[in-house]
Amino acid sequence: MIDISNLAIHIPGFIAMFCIIASIQMKTKEKYLYFQIIGAFSFGAYFLLLNGYTGVLTNLLLCIQALIALYFLKKNTDIPKWVMITLFSITVLFGFFIIDRWLDLLPLLVAVTTLIIYFQSKEKMIRYLSLILAIWIPYAIYYNAWFSLITSVFFLVSTLIAIYRYDLRKT
């Protein structure tokens, strides 16, 4: 018999997975960021239900970072360096409060890497930095966050294909 209450825990994870995977297919950076925000919020709820509190806080940071990136994108201005430094400092400071064991370092590294990615303009750099996001995989496995794991693997494979297509293949 299927335990419906356990199954319900994974609904936010499914929504998050859909949004993150859909974000990759968005034509504009604005739509990409909207889907990233919804995905991060949903993954935050997912990890809350799974008692992965570092995952909750990390996804909250990812929401804030994406909202700020979206704000400056809509203003059509570059993000000031002081904003980037402030966000980086807040992210690292959060780390001091949320790290309980070595596994908690992984989502924090994802938050720092994502912050760098959001403010990159060179696609090649974004692709190579995106490889680092695979470090989320052990955290997802530990918390049985299967939709997070699927999303991470899909994102990794997609990134590797893009690196091959755009950076390595000789045409």
Protein backbone atom coordinates (compact mmCIF):
# COMPACT_ATOMS: atom_id res chain seq x y z
CA MET A 1 0.00 0.00 0.00
CA ILE A 2 1.30 3.48 -0.89
CA ASP A 3 1.67 5.92 2.00
CA ILE A 4 -0.15 9.01 0.68
CA SER A 5 1.25 11.32 3.38
CA ASN A 6 4.81 10.46 2.35
CA LEU A 7 3.91 10.91 -1.30
CA ALA A 8 2.47 14.38 -0.59
CA ILE A 9 5.87 15.51 0.75
CA HIS A 10 7.28 15.20 -2.77
CA ILE A 11 4.71 17.46 -4.47
CA PRO A 12 6.74 20.67 -3.88
CA GLY A 13 9.80 18.79 -5.16
CA PHE A 14 7.99 17.88 -8.36
CA ILE A 15 6.88 21.49 -8.85
CA ALA A 16 10.42 22.71 -8.20
CA MET A 17 11.90 20.16 -10.60
CA PHE A 18 9.47 21.22 -13.32
CA CYS A 19 10.30 24.92 -12.82
CA ILE A 20 14.08 24.48 -12.76
CA ILE A 21 14.07 22.25 -15.84
CA ALA A 22 11.66 24.62 -17.61
CA SER A 23 13.91 27.57 -16.74
CA ILE A 24 16.66 26.09 -18.89
CA GLN A 25 14.32 26.28 -21.89
CA MET A 26 13.25 29.90 -21.43
CA LYS A 27 14.13 32.25 -24.24
CA THR A 28 14.77 35.31 -22.07
CA LYS A 29 16.79 35.77 -18.91
CA GLU A 30 13.73 37.37 -17.28
CA LYS A 31 11.60 34.25 -17.75
CA TYR A 32 14.56 32.11 -16.70
CA LEU A 33 14.80 34.03 -13.43
CA TYR A 34 11.03 33.80 -12.78
CA PHE A 35 11.15 30.03 -13.09
CA GLN A 36 14.31 29.89 -10.96
CA ILE A 37 12.53 31.87 -8.21
CA ILE A 38 9.49 29.59 -8.21
CA GLY A 39 11.75 26.53 -8.33
CA ALA A 40 13.94 27.70 -5.43
CA PHE A 41 10.88 28.58 -3.34
CA SER A 42 9.36 25.16 -4.04
CA PHE A 43 12.63 23.38 -3.25
CA GLY A 44 12.75 25.35 0.02
CA ALA A 45 9.30 24.01 0.92
CA TYR A 46 10.39 20.52 -0.16
CA PHE A 47 13.43 20.51 2.10
CA LEU A 48 11.37 21.93 4.95
CA LEU A 49 9.07 18.92 4.70
CA LEU A 50 12.14 16.65 4.60
CA ASN A 51 13.78 18.39 7.61
CA GLY A 52 16.71 19.55 5.48
CA TYR A 53 17.01 22.99 7.04
CA THR A 54 20.21 23.95 5.26
CA GLY A 55 18.38 23.24 2.00
CA VAL A 56 15.55 25.51 3.15
CA LEU A 57 17.86 28.42 3.96
CA THR A 58 19.94 27.90 0.85
CA ASN A 59 16.87 28.01 -1.36
CA LEU A 60 15.70 31.15 0.44
CA LEU A 61 19.07 32.71 -0.43
CA LEU A 62 18.67 31.56 -4.03
CA CYS A 63 15.24 33.26 -4.18
CA ILE A 64 16.68 36.52 -2.85
CA GLN A 65 19.61 36.39 -5.25
CA ALA A 66 17.35 35.74 -8.24
CA LEU A 67 14.93 38.50 -7.20
CA ILE A 68 17.79 40.99 -7.02
CA ALA A 69 19.16 39.83 -10.38
CA LEU A 70 15.65 40.21 -11.83
CA TYR A 71 15.29 43.71 -10.34
CA PHE A 72 18.46 44.95 -12.06
CA LEU A 73 17.60 43.13 -15.26
CA LYS A 74 14.24 44.96 -15.41
CA LYS A 75 16.02 48.26 -14.75
CA ASN A 76 18.34 47.35 -17.62
CA THR A 77 21.40 48.22 -15.56
CA ASP A 78 24.44 46.32 -14.45
CA ILE A 79 24.39 45.09 -10.91
CA PRO A 80 26.59 47.33 -8.77
CA LYS A 81 29.65 45.66 -7.30
CA TRP A 82 28.58 46.64 -3.79
CA VAL A 83 25.34 44.66 -4.24
CA MET A 84 27.27 41.60 -5.36
CA ILE A 85 29.71 41.93 -2.46
CA THR A 86 26.84 42.39 0.00
CA LEU A 87 25.00 39.33 -1.32
CA PHE A 88 28.18 37.27 -1.23
CA SER A 89 28.87 38.40 2.35
CA ILE A 90 25.33 37.61 3.49
CA THR A 91 25.54 34.17 1.86
CA VAL A 92 28.83 33.37 3.59
CA LEU A 93 27.54 34.80 6.89
CA PHE A 94 24.45 32.56 6.62
CA GLY A 95 26.90 29.69 6.31
CA PHE A 96 28.18 30.24 9.82
CA PHE A 97 24.66 29.79 11.18
CA ILE A 98 23.44 26.92 9.03
CA ILE A 99 26.42 24.60 8.85
CA ASP A 100 25.99 21.77 11.32
CA ARG A 101 28.01 19.07 9.52
CA TRP A 102 30.16 18.79 6.40
CA LEU A 103 27.11 17.91 4.27
CA ASP A 104 25.68 21.37 5.01
CA LEU A 105 28.61 22.94 3.16
CA LEU A 106 27.33 21.62 -0.15
CA PRO A 107 24.15 23.74 -0.41
CA LEU A 108 26.12 26.77 0.76
CA LEU A 109 28.63 26.25 -2.06
CA VAL A 110 25.69 25.95 -4.46
CA ALA A 111 24.34 29.30 -3.21
CA VAL A 112 27.71 31.00 -3.70
CA THR A 113 28.15 29.47 -7.16
CA THR A 114 24.61 30.39 -8.20
CA LEU A 115 25.21 33.96 -7.08
CA ILE A 116 28.25 34.11 -9.34
CA ILE A 117 26.28 32.53 -12.21
CA TYR A 118 23.36 34.99 -11.90
CA PHE A 119 25.73 37.89 -12.41
CA GLN A 120 27.74 36.40 -15.29
CA SER A 121 27.28 37.65 -18.81
CA LYS A 122 29.49 35.12 -20.63
CA GLU A 123 27.60 31.92 -21.47
CA LYS A 124 30.76 29.81 -21.53
CA MET A 125 31.60 30.83 -17.96
CA ILE A 126 28.01 30.12 -16.89
CA ARG A 127 28.22 26.61 -18.35
CA TYR A 128 31.49 25.77 -16.59
CA LEU A 129 30.36 27.23 -13.27
CA SER A 130 27.12 25.26 -13.57
CA LEU A 131 29.13 22.04 -13.26
CA ILE A 132 29.75 22.93 -9.61
CA LEU A 133 26.00 22.73 -8.94
CA ALA A 134 26.29 18.93 -9.08
CA ILE A 135 27.64 19.04 -5.52
CA TRP A 136 23.99 19.29 -4.45
CA ILE A 137 23.57 15.58 -5.34
CA PRO A 138 24.88 14.06 -2.06
CA TYR A 139 22.68 16.42 -0.03
CA ALA A 140 19.61 15.41 -2.05
CA ILE A 141 20.43 11.72 -1.58
CA TYR A 142 20.94 12.14 2.17
CA TYR A 143 17.49 13.73 2.60
CA ASN A 144 15.75 11.40 0.10
CA ALA A 145 14.87 14.48 -1.95
CA TRP A 146 14.38 12.49 -5.11
CA PHE A 147 13.09 15.33 -7.25
CA SER A 148 16.06 17.44 -6.23
CA LEU A 149 18.34 14.58 -7.22
CA ILE A 150 16.62 14.15 -10.60
CA THR A 151 16.85 17.90 -11.21
CA SER A 152 20.54 17.97 -10.32
CA VAL A 153 21.37 15.02 -12.58
CA PHE A 154 19.30 16.46 -15.44
CA PHE A 155 20.95 19.86 -15.03
CA LEU A 156 24.42 18.25 -14.95
CA VAL A 157 23.79 16.20 -18.10
CA SER A 158 22.29 19.22 -19.86
CA THR A 159 25.31 21.33 -18.89
CA LEU A 160 27.76 18.69 -20.12
CA ILE A 161 25.92 18.49 -23.45
CA ALA A 162 26.01 22.29 -23.77
CA ILE A 163 29.75 22.37 -22.99
CA TYR A 164 30.34 19.75 -25.65
CA ARG A 165 28.13 21.50 -28.21
CA TYR A 166 29.35 25.05 -27.68
CA ASP A 167 32.84 24.79 -26.20
CA LEU A 168 34.50 21.51 -27.16
CA ARG A 169 33.12 20.29 -30.47
CA LYS A 170 35.11 21.36 -33.48
CA THR A 171 32.83 22.32 -36.35
